[in-house]
Amino acid sequence: MKKIGMRNIKTGIAVFFATLAGYLGIVETPVYTVSVCIFSIRNTMKDSFEVSWSRILGTLLGGIIGYLSTFFLRENIITATLGVIIIIHLCNILKISDASAIASVAFISICLGVGDNHALNYSIMRTIDTLVGVVIALIVNYSVSRTKYTEYLLVSFNSASKDCLSIIYSMIKNKDFSSSYTKLNSRYSDLQEYYNQLVDEIPYSNETYNLSDLYHSFDICEQLIHHIHGLYLIEKRVCSMDTIFNENIYNYHKKSILNLLSQYKQEKNNPEKD
């Protein structure tokens, strides 16, 4: 059975605190706070900060337009429809398109919910409901098991890297660059995903990690994939070249792969001491 992911757990924790904020009277309508928490939870802190900032701007934008709509437009379907269209367009212009959903929610909650309430007070409370959800999501993202998550990413990165190297060794040994090509690309995609998340997460980590080693390991894998792709194309006879030229290119790629594998093995067997 597949384990529950960390993002899933963080979302549950954020929902708990958002609901608690409603029970404690910190927010007036916790359903908006909970909804924003669910939208705002991300895997890495970089994503969390970027998403949270855009959502804060979106919330303020939706709140302001919602408040203005109570003065100039009536509460009806047409107002709601036109308002959402305008908000999405403004978010695109301001380059915060990711926040268009939150901005629309903030607008609709005011536009259709104000009723007989005081427009300004109601708009402020709905905006606060939404902002509290963003803040809770950001705090949970920063606080919950970030060290364990970073370690998980490092282990996953190293595992994907070893798998890629193992497949490449096998390709070179068997002189077969086609049968395992899809599998190699799949693992390399995993490697890229873990690498990108690590690059985003490590700068916000309280632990000390050697980013230069991470960059170097990924760079070697990236170069290896490039050379394997060249051999794959030759094997598939995609390139319309003469036999001698193909052979020269084949030898170039193979030699480069062997040099990179030798370099990687040597560095792993003789790591530099700080």
Protein backbone atom coordinates (compact mmCIF):
# COMPACT_ATOMS: atom_id res chain seq x y z
CA MET A 1 0.00 0.00 0.00
CA LYS A 2 1.36 3.42 -0.99
CA LYS A 3 2.32 5.67 1.92
CA ILE A 4 0.50 8.95 2.57
CA GLY A 5 2.58 11.75 1.08
CA MET A 6 4.01 14.64 3.08
CA ARG A 7 2.03 17.20 1.10
CA ASN A 8 -1.14 15.28 1.98
CA ILE A 9 -0.22 15.36 5.67
CA LYS A 10 0.63 19.07 5.57
CA THR A 11 -2.70 19.82 3.89
CA GLY A 12 -4.54 17.96 6.65
CA ILE A 13 -2.65 19.88 9.36
CA ALA A 14 -3.37 23.20 7.63
CA VAL A 15 -7.07 22.35 7.38
CA PHE A 16 -7.09 21.52 11.11
CA PHE A 17 -5.67 24.91 12.07
CA ALA A 18 -7.89 26.75 9.59
CA THR A 19 -10.97 25.07 11.09
CA LEU A 20 -9.66 25.78 14.60
CA ALA A 21 -9.35 29.45 13.67
CA GLY A 22 -13.07 29.39 12.94
CA TYR A 23 -13.93 27.77 16.29
CA LEU A 24 -11.77 30.33 18.12
CA GLY A 25 -13.42 33.22 16.29
CA ILE A 26 -10.22 34.34 14.55
CA VAL A 27 -12.04 34.07 11.23
CA GLU A 28 -15.73 34.59 10.65
CA THR A 29 -16.27 32.12 7.80
CA PRO A 30 -13.73 29.25 8.06
CA VAL A 31 -14.88 27.62 4.81
CA TYR A 32 -12.94 30.30 2.88
CA THR A 33 -9.90 29.88 5.13
CA VAL A 34 -9.93 26.10 4.71
CA SER A 35 -10.34 26.36 0.92
CA VAL A 36 -7.35 28.69 0.61
CA CYS A 37 -5.21 26.39 2.77
CA ILE A 38 -5.91 23.50 0.43
CA PHE A 39 -5.00 25.62 -2.61
CA SER A 40 -1.81 27.03 -1.05
CA ILE A 41 0.04 23.96 0.30
CA ARG A 42 3.11 23.19 -1.84
CA ASN A 43 6.00 20.73 -1.77
CA THR A 44 8.85 23.25 -1.41
CA MET A 45 9.28 26.52 0.45
CA LYS A 46 10.16 28.41 -2.73
CA ASP A 47 6.86 27.36 -4.27
CA SER A 48 5.09 28.17 -1.02
CA PHE A 49 6.47 31.73 -0.84
CA GLU A 50 5.72 32.41 -4.50
CA VAL A 51 2.22 30.96 -4.30
CA SER A 52 1.46 32.66 -0.97
CA TRP A 53 2.56 36.08 -2.22
CA SER A 54 0.51 35.83 -5.40
CA ARG A 55 -2.48 34.61 -3.39
CA ILE A 56 -2.19 37.53 -0.97
CA LEU A 57 -2.20 39.96 -3.89
CA GLY A 58 -5.09 38.07 -5.48
CA THR A 59 -7.07 38.14 -2.25
CA LEU A 60 -6.59 41.90 -1.86
CA LEU A 61 -7.52 42.44 -5.51
CA GLY A 62 -10.68 40.31 -5.20
CA GLY A 63 -11.59 42.04 -1.94
CA ILE A 64 -11.23 45.54 -3.37
CA ILE A 65 -13.19 44.78 -6.53
CA GLY A 66 -15.83 42.96 -4.49
CA TYR A 67 -16.18 45.97 -2.22
CA LEU A 68 -16.43 48.39 -5.17
CA SER A 69 -19.02 46.18 -6.83
CA THR A 70 -21.35 46.65 -3.84
CA PHE A 71 -21.54 50.37 -4.65
CA PHE A 72 -21.82 50.40 -8.42
CA LEU A 73 -23.46 47.08 -9.31
CA ARG A 74 -26.34 45.00 -8.03
CA GLU A 75 -25.96 41.55 -6.50
CA ASN A 76 -26.88 39.23 -9.39
CA ILE A 77 -25.61 36.60 -11.83
CA ILE A 78 -24.43 39.14 -14.42
CA THR A 79 -22.38 41.06 -11.84
CA ALA A 80 -20.76 37.87 -10.59
CA THR A 81 -19.96 36.70 -14.12
CA LEU A 82 -18.50 40.00 -15.35
CA GLY A 83 -16.61 40.48 -12.09
CA VAL A 84 -14.84 37.13 -12.37
CA ILE A 85 -13.94 37.81 -16.01
CA ILE A 86 -12.45 41.19 -15.06
CA ILE A 87 -10.53 39.72 -12.12
CA ILE A 88 -9.00 36.92 -14.18
CA HIS A 89 -8.00 39.46 -16.85
CA LEU A 90 -6.42 41.76 -14.24
CA CYS A 91 -4.52 38.84 -12.69
CA ASN A 92 -3.11 37.99 -16.12
CA ILE A 93 -2.09 41.62 -16.68
CA LEU A 94 -0.42 41.77 -13.24
CA LYS A 95 1.27 38.41 -13.96
CA ILE A 96 -0.33 36.68 -10.97
CA SER A 97 -2.52 34.33 -12.99
CA ASP A 98 -2.04 31.61 -10.34
CA ALA A 99 -3.96 33.83 -7.94
CA SER A 100 -6.99 34.27 -10.21
CA ALA A 101 -8.93 31.48 -8.47
CA ILE A 102 -8.37 32.93 -4.99
CA ALA A 103 -9.14 36.45 -6.21
CA SER A 104 -12.37 35.18 -7.77
CA VAL A 105 -13.34 33.39 -4.55
CA ALA A 106 -12.73 36.57 -2.53
CA PHE A 107 -14.77 38.60 -5.02
CA ILE A 108 -17.69 36.15 -5.19
CA SER A 109 -17.84 35.82 -1.39
CA ILE A 110 -18.37 39.58 -1.17
CA CYS A 111 -20.41 40.15 -4.33
CA LEU A 112 -22.97 37.43 -3.63
CA GLY A 113 -22.73 37.31 0.14
CA VAL A 114 -22.88 40.92 1.30
CA GLY A 115 -26.70 41.05 1.43
CA ASP A 116 -27.80 43.51 4.11
CA ASN A 117 -24.42 43.52 5.82
CA HIS A 118 -22.29 46.66 5.98
CA ALA A 119 -20.30 46.51 2.73
CA LEU A 120 -16.93 47.68 4.08
CA ASN A 121 -16.98 45.52 7.20
CA TYR A 122 -18.14 42.48 5.25
CA SER A 123 -15.45 42.97 2.59
CA ILE A 124 -12.72 43.31 5.21
CA MET A 125 -13.86 40.17 7.06
CA ARG A 126 -14.03 38.05 3.88
CA THR A 127 -10.57 39.29 2.87
CA ILE A 128 -9.20 38.45 6.32
CA ASP A 129 -10.78 34.98 6.16
CA THR A 130 -8.85 34.34 2.96
CA LEU A 131 -5.55 35.92 4.10
CA VAL A 132 -5.53 33.85 7.29
CA GLY A 133 -5.74 30.71 5.14
CA VAL A 134 -2.68 31.80 3.14
CA VAL A 135 -0.69 32.54 6.32
CA ILE A 136 -1.62 29.19 7.90
CA ALA A 137 -0.55 27.32 4.76
CA LEU A 138 2.78 29.18 4.71
CA ILE A 139 3.50 28.45 8.38
CA VAL A 140 2.62 24.76 8.01
CA ASN A 141 4.77 24.49 4.89
CA TYR A 142 7.72 25.99 6.75
CA SER A 143 7.28 24.07 10.00
CA VAL A 144 6.23 20.49 9.29
CA SER A 145 8.92 17.84 8.75
CA ARG A 146 10.99 19.91 6.35
CA THR A 147 14.22 18.19 7.39
CA LYS A 148 12.68 14.75 6.76
CA TYR A 149 11.30 15.91 3.43
CA THR A 150 14.70 17.22 2.32
CA GLU A 151 16.31 13.94 3.36
CA TYR A 152 13.64 12.07 1.41
CA LEU A 153 14.42 14.15 -1.68
CA LEU A 154 18.17 13.51 -1.30
CA VAL A 155 17.65 9.76 -0.95
CA SER A 156 15.29 9.74 -3.92
CA PHE A 157 17.72 11.81 -6.01
CA ASN A 158 20.62 9.46 -5.23
CA SER A 159 18.46 6.41 -5.97
CA ALA A 160 17.34 7.81 -9.34
CA SER A 161 20.94 8.78 -10.15
CA LYS A 162 22.20 5.26 -9.39
CA ASP A 163 19.41 3.74 -11.47
CA CYS A 164 20.31 5.96 -14.43
CA LEU A 165 23.97 5.02 -14.15
CA SER A 166 23.13 1.32 -13.81
CA ILE A 167 21.00 1.41 -16.96
CA ILE A 168 23.76 3.25 -18.85
CA TYR A 169 26.39 0.71 -17.70
CA SER A 170 24.13 -2.06 -18.98
CA MET A 171 23.62 -0.27 -22.31
CA ILE A 172 27.37 0.10 -22.82
CA LYS A 173 28.07 -3.48 -21.79
CA ASN A 174 25.40 -4.96 -24.08
CA LYS A 175 25.89 -2.39 -26.86
CA ASP A 176 22.14 -1.95 -26.89
CA PHE A 177 20.81 1.60 -26.62
CA SER A 178 17.19 0.99 -27.60
CA SER A 179 15.61 -1.63 -25.35
CA SER A 180 16.18 0.31 -22.09
CA TYR A 181 15.96 3.80 -23.57
CA THR A 182 12.38 4.45 -22.38
CA LYS A 183 13.19 3.19 -18.88
CA LEU A 184 16.26 5.44 -18.74
CA ASN A 185 14.24 8.48 -19.80
CA SER A 186 11.64 7.70 -17.14
CA ARG A 187 14.21 7.55 -14.35
CA TYR A 188 15.94 10.64 -15.68
CA SER A 189 12.61 12.51 -15.49
CA ASP A 190 12.36 11.44 -11.84
CA LEU A 191 15.92 12.64 -11.31
CA GLN A 192 15.10 16.05 -12.79
CA GLU A 193 12.04 16.39 -10.56
CA TYR A 194 13.97 15.57 -7.37
CA TYR A 195 16.82 17.86 -8.43
CA ASN A 196 14.52 20.82 -9.07
CA GLN A 197 12.75 20.34 -5.74
CA LEU A 198 16.08 20.09 -3.88
CA VAL A 199 17.39 23.27 -5.50
CA ASP A 200 14.21 25.03 -4.39
CA GLU A 201 14.09 23.55 -0.88
CA ILE A 202 17.71 23.48 0.35
CA PRO A 203 18.23 27.29 0.54
CA TYR A 204 15.38 27.43 3.08
CA SER A 205 16.64 24.48 5.10
CA ASN A 206 18.09 24.83 8.61
CA GLU A 207 20.50 21.99 7.82
CA THR A 208 23.77 22.37 5.85
CA TYR A 209 23.89 20.61 2.50
CA ASN A 210 26.57 20.63 -0.18
CA LEU A 211 24.84 22.08 -3.21
CA SER A 212 27.99 21.88 -5.37
CA ASP A 213 27.97 18.07 -5.11
CA LEU A 214 24.31 18.03 -6.09
CA TYR A 215 24.97 20.26 -9.11
CA HIS A 216 27.94 18.17 -10.17
CA SER A 217 26.14 14.83 -9.89
CA PHE A 218 23.20 16.11 -11.90
CA ASP A 219 25.51 17.66 -14.52
CA ILE A 220 27.26 14.31 -15.09
CA CYS A 221 23.92 12.53 -15.50
CA GLU A 222 22.73 15.23 -17.87
CA GLN A 223 25.83 14.84 -20.04
CA LEU A 224 25.49 11.05 -20.02
CA ILE A 225 21.87 11.28 -21.17
CA HIS A 226 22.95 13.57 -24.02
CA HIS A 227 25.55 11.05 -25.25
CA ILE A 228 23.17 8.09 -24.83
CA HIS A 229 20.62 9.94 -26.92
CA GLY A 230 23.23 10.30 -29.68
CA LEU A 231 23.98 6.58 -29.63
CA TYR A 232 20.26 5.79 -29.62
CA LEU A 233 19.73 7.87 -32.76
CA ILE A 234 22.61 6.14 -34.54
CA GLU A 235 21.28 2.73 -33.55
CA LYS A 236 17.83 3.65 -34.83
CA ARG A 237 19.39 4.98 -38.06
CA VAL A 238 17.56 8.27 -37.68
CA CYS A 239 20.51 10.24 -38.99
CA SER A 240 21.07 10.01 -42.75
CA MET A 241 24.85 9.86 -42.58
CA ASP A 242 27.44 7.65 -44.21
CA THR A 243 28.78 4.64 -42.29
CA ILE A 244 32.20 6.10 -41.53
CA PHE A 245 30.73 9.32 -40.16
CA ASN A 246 28.29 7.34 -38.03
CA GLU A 247 31.15 5.26 -36.66
CA ASN A 248 33.14 8.35 -35.73
CA ILE A 249 30.17 9.86 -33.91
CA TYR A 250 29.47 6.53 -32.21
CA ASN A 251 33.05 6.33 -30.94
CA TYR A 252 32.92 9.95 -29.74
CA HIS A 253 29.76 9.38 -27.70
CA LYS A 254 30.97 6.07 -26.30
CA LYS A 255 34.35 7.49 -25.30
CA SER A 256 32.66 10.46 -23.63
CA ILE A 257 30.32 8.16 -21.70
CA LEU A 258 33.18 5.96 -20.49
CA ASN A 259 35.16 9.03 -19.38
CA LEU A 260 32.17 10.43 -17.48
CA LEU A 261 31.44 7.09 -15.80
CA SER A 262 35.11 6.74 -14.84
CA GLN A 263 35.14 10.28 -13.45
CA TYR A 264 31.96 9.66 -11.44
CA LYS A 265 33.28 6.37 -10.04
CA GLN A 266 36.60 7.92 -9.08
CA GLU A 267 34.94 10.83 -7.30
CA LYS A 268 32.65 8.49 -5.34
CA ASN A 269 35.54 6.26 -4.32
CA ASN A 270 37.77 9.21 -3.39
CA PRO A 271 35.53 11.96 -2.03
CA GLU A 272 37.22 15.25 -1.12
CA LYS A 273 37.56 15.84 2.57
CA ASP A 274 36.57 19.23 3.92
